[in-house]
Amino acid sequence: MVDKLHEFRSLSKQKGSSNNPKLIAAKVELAQVETDIEKLVDSLAGANATLIQFANRKADELALRRQALMKQVADLSAAEMPAAELTMISGYLGDWDNTSLDDKRQVINSLITIIRATSDNVEIEWKI
């Protein structure tokens, strides 16, 4: 995290929440896709070969849609931050170890869309 922060002289965070209808719609659709994936996984208990084959095709479609929506949300979120509505967050780069947990969370929320972690790797989707 500190290595990524060193790319910037100062960091910005957004005041308030987004009112962008496209961003809200993308987030709602992403939540629906996530729900559909969960339902699909839940329905596989006791499934036969034909149903599993269908589920695999559907899972691939949902995964592609989910990935596209996540990119759209990230792009819209990054574009959502007009300079007039931003406050500068500075001083964190040189003193990250002494920065409060709440301040670290604000910085991370400003820079990261999603973190996916497994036992093998960690994938970070940056807003920047």
Protein backbone atom coordinates (compact mmCIF):
# COMPACT_ATOMS: atom_id res chain seq x y z
CA MET A 1 0.00 0.00 0.00
CA VAL A 2 2.75 2.41 0.93
CA ASP A 3 4.55 1.65 -2.34
CA LYS A 4 1.44 2.56 -4.33
CA LEU A 5 0.99 5.76 -2.29
CA HIS A 6 4.53 6.86 -3.11
CA GLU A 7 3.38 7.44 -6.70
CA PHE A 8 1.53 10.54 -5.47
CA ARG A 9 2.61 13.76 -3.83
CA SER A 10 -0.83 14.29 -2.33
CA LEU A 11 -4.00 12.26 -2.17
CA SER A 12 -7.62 13.26 -2.45
CA LYS A 13 -10.86 12.02 -1.00
CA GLN A 14 -14.41 12.85 -1.96
CA LYS A 15 -16.81 14.67 0.32
CA GLY A 16 -20.29 13.18 0.46
CA SER A 17 -21.73 10.41 -1.62
CA SER A 18 -22.30 10.04 -5.32
CA ASN A 19 -25.50 11.15 -7.01
CA ASN A 20 -24.44 9.97 -10.46
CA PRO A 21 -27.37 7.90 -11.82
CA LYS A 22 -25.09 5.85 -14.09
CA LEU A 23 -22.86 4.95 -11.14
CA ILE A 24 -25.84 4.06 -8.95
CA ALA A 25 -27.38 1.94 -11.74
CA ALA A 26 -24.08 0.12 -12.31
CA LYS A 27 -23.74 -0.62 -8.59
CA VAL A 28 -27.32 -1.92 -8.43
CA GLU A 29 -26.78 -4.13 -11.47
CA LEU A 30 -23.51 -5.39 -10.01
CA ALA A 31 -25.30 -6.31 -6.79
CA GLN A 32 -27.94 -8.17 -8.82
CA VAL A 33 -25.26 -10.10 -10.71
CA GLU A 34 -23.62 -11.02 -7.40
CA THR A 35 -27.00 -12.27 -6.14
CA ASP A 36 -27.52 -14.29 -9.33
CA ILE A 37 -24.09 -15.89 -8.90
CA GLU A 38 -24.92 -16.86 -5.32
CA LYS A 39 -28.27 -18.35 -6.38
CA LEU A 40 -26.57 -20.31 -9.15
CA VAL A 41 -23.99 -21.73 -6.77
CA ASP A 42 -26.68 -22.62 -4.22
CA SER A 43 -28.71 -24.45 -6.88
CA LEU A 44 -25.85 -26.83 -7.72
CA ALA A 45 -26.34 -29.10 -4.71
CA GLY A 46 -27.47 -32.44 -6.09
CA ALA A 47 -27.34 -31.28 -9.72
CA ASN A 48 -27.04 -33.72 -12.61
CA ALA A 49 -24.51 -33.44 -15.47
CA THR A 50 -26.88 -31.50 -17.75
CA LEU A 51 -27.67 -28.93 -15.08
CA ILE A 52 -23.98 -28.56 -14.24
CA GLN A 53 -23.16 -27.96 -17.90
CA PHE A 54 -25.86 -25.27 -18.08
CA ALA A 55 -24.64 -23.77 -14.80
CA ASN A 56 -21.07 -23.57 -16.14
CA ARG A 57 -22.21 -21.58 -19.19
CA LYS A 58 -24.36 -19.31 -17.03
CA ALA A 59 -21.51 -18.84 -14.53
CA ASP A 60 -19.16 -17.81 -17.34
CA GLU A 61 -21.71 -15.25 -18.59
CA LEU A 62 -22.25 -13.87 -15.09
CA ALA A 63 -18.51 -13.67 -14.42
CA LEU A 64 -17.94 -11.69 -17.61
CA ARG A 65 -20.84 -9.35 -16.79
CA ARG A 66 -19.58 -8.92 -13.23
CA GLN A 67 -16.10 -8.04 -14.46
CA ALA A 68 -17.48 -5.49 -16.94
CA LEU A 69 -19.68 -3.90 -14.27
CA MET A 70 -16.80 -3.71 -11.79
CA LYS A 71 -14.71 -1.88 -14.39
CA GLN A 72 -17.63 0.44 -15.15
CA VAL A 73 -18.13 1.22 -11.45
CA ALA A 74 -14.39 1.88 -11.04
CA ASP A 75 -14.29 4.16 -14.08
CA LEU A 76 -17.40 6.09 -13.02
CA SER A 77 -16.13 6.38 -9.45
CA ALA A 78 -12.81 7.79 -10.62
CA ALA A 79 -14.54 10.26 -12.94
CA GLU A 80 -16.92 11.25 -10.13
CA MET A 81 -14.27 13.16 -8.18
CA PRO A 82 -14.32 16.78 -9.42
CA ALA A 83 -11.45 18.90 -8.16
CA ALA A 84 -13.77 21.48 -6.53
CA GLU A 85 -15.31 18.85 -4.22
CA LEU A 86 -12.09 17.23 -3.07
CA THR A 87 -10.09 17.86 0.06
CA MET A 88 -6.41 17.18 0.07
CA ILE A 89 -5.08 14.32 2.15
CA SER A 90 -1.40 14.88 2.51
CA GLY A 91 1.31 13.85 4.90
CA TYR A 92 0.41 10.16 4.79
CA LEU A 93 3.19 9.11 2.46
CA GLY A 94 6.08 9.81 4.76
CA ASP A 95 4.31 8.84 7.98
CA TRP A 96 2.03 5.92 7.05
CA ASP A 97 3.06 3.86 10.10
CA ASN A 98 1.92 6.65 12.45
CA THR A 99 -1.30 7.46 10.58
CA SER A 100 -4.53 6.65 12.45
CA LEU A 101 -6.62 3.68 11.34
CA ASP A 102 -9.55 5.92 10.36
CA ASP A 103 -7.30 8.09 8.18
CA LYS A 104 -5.84 4.97 6.54
CA ARG A 105 -9.37 3.73 5.79
CA GLN A 106 -10.26 7.05 4.16
CA VAL A 107 -7.14 6.94 1.99
CA ILE A 108 -7.81 3.33 1.00
CA ASN A 109 -11.46 4.06 0.20
CA SER A 110 -10.28 6.89 -2.05
CA LEU A 111 -7.84 4.70 -3.95
CA ILE A 112 -9.19 1.13 -4.02
CA THR A 113 -12.36 -0.21 -5.60
CA ILE A 114 -12.12 -3.82 -4.44
CA ILE A 115 -9.68 -6.29 -2.92
CA ARG A 116 -9.95 -10.00 -3.72
CA ALA A 117 -7.88 -12.28 -1.53
CA THR A 118 -7.41 -16.03 -1.70
CA SER A 119 -4.94 -18.32 -0.04
CA ASP A 120 -2.76 -18.01 -3.18
CA ASN A 121 -2.85 -14.31 -4.07
CA VAL A 122 -4.25 -10.86 -3.45
CA GLU A 123 -5.76 -8.82 -6.28
CA ILE A 124 -6.34 -5.08 -5.81
CA GLU A 125 -8.49 -3.08 -8.20
CA TRP A 126 -7.33 0.55 -8.07
CA LYS A 127 -9.52 3.55 -8.82
CA ILE A 128 -6.48 5.31 -10.19
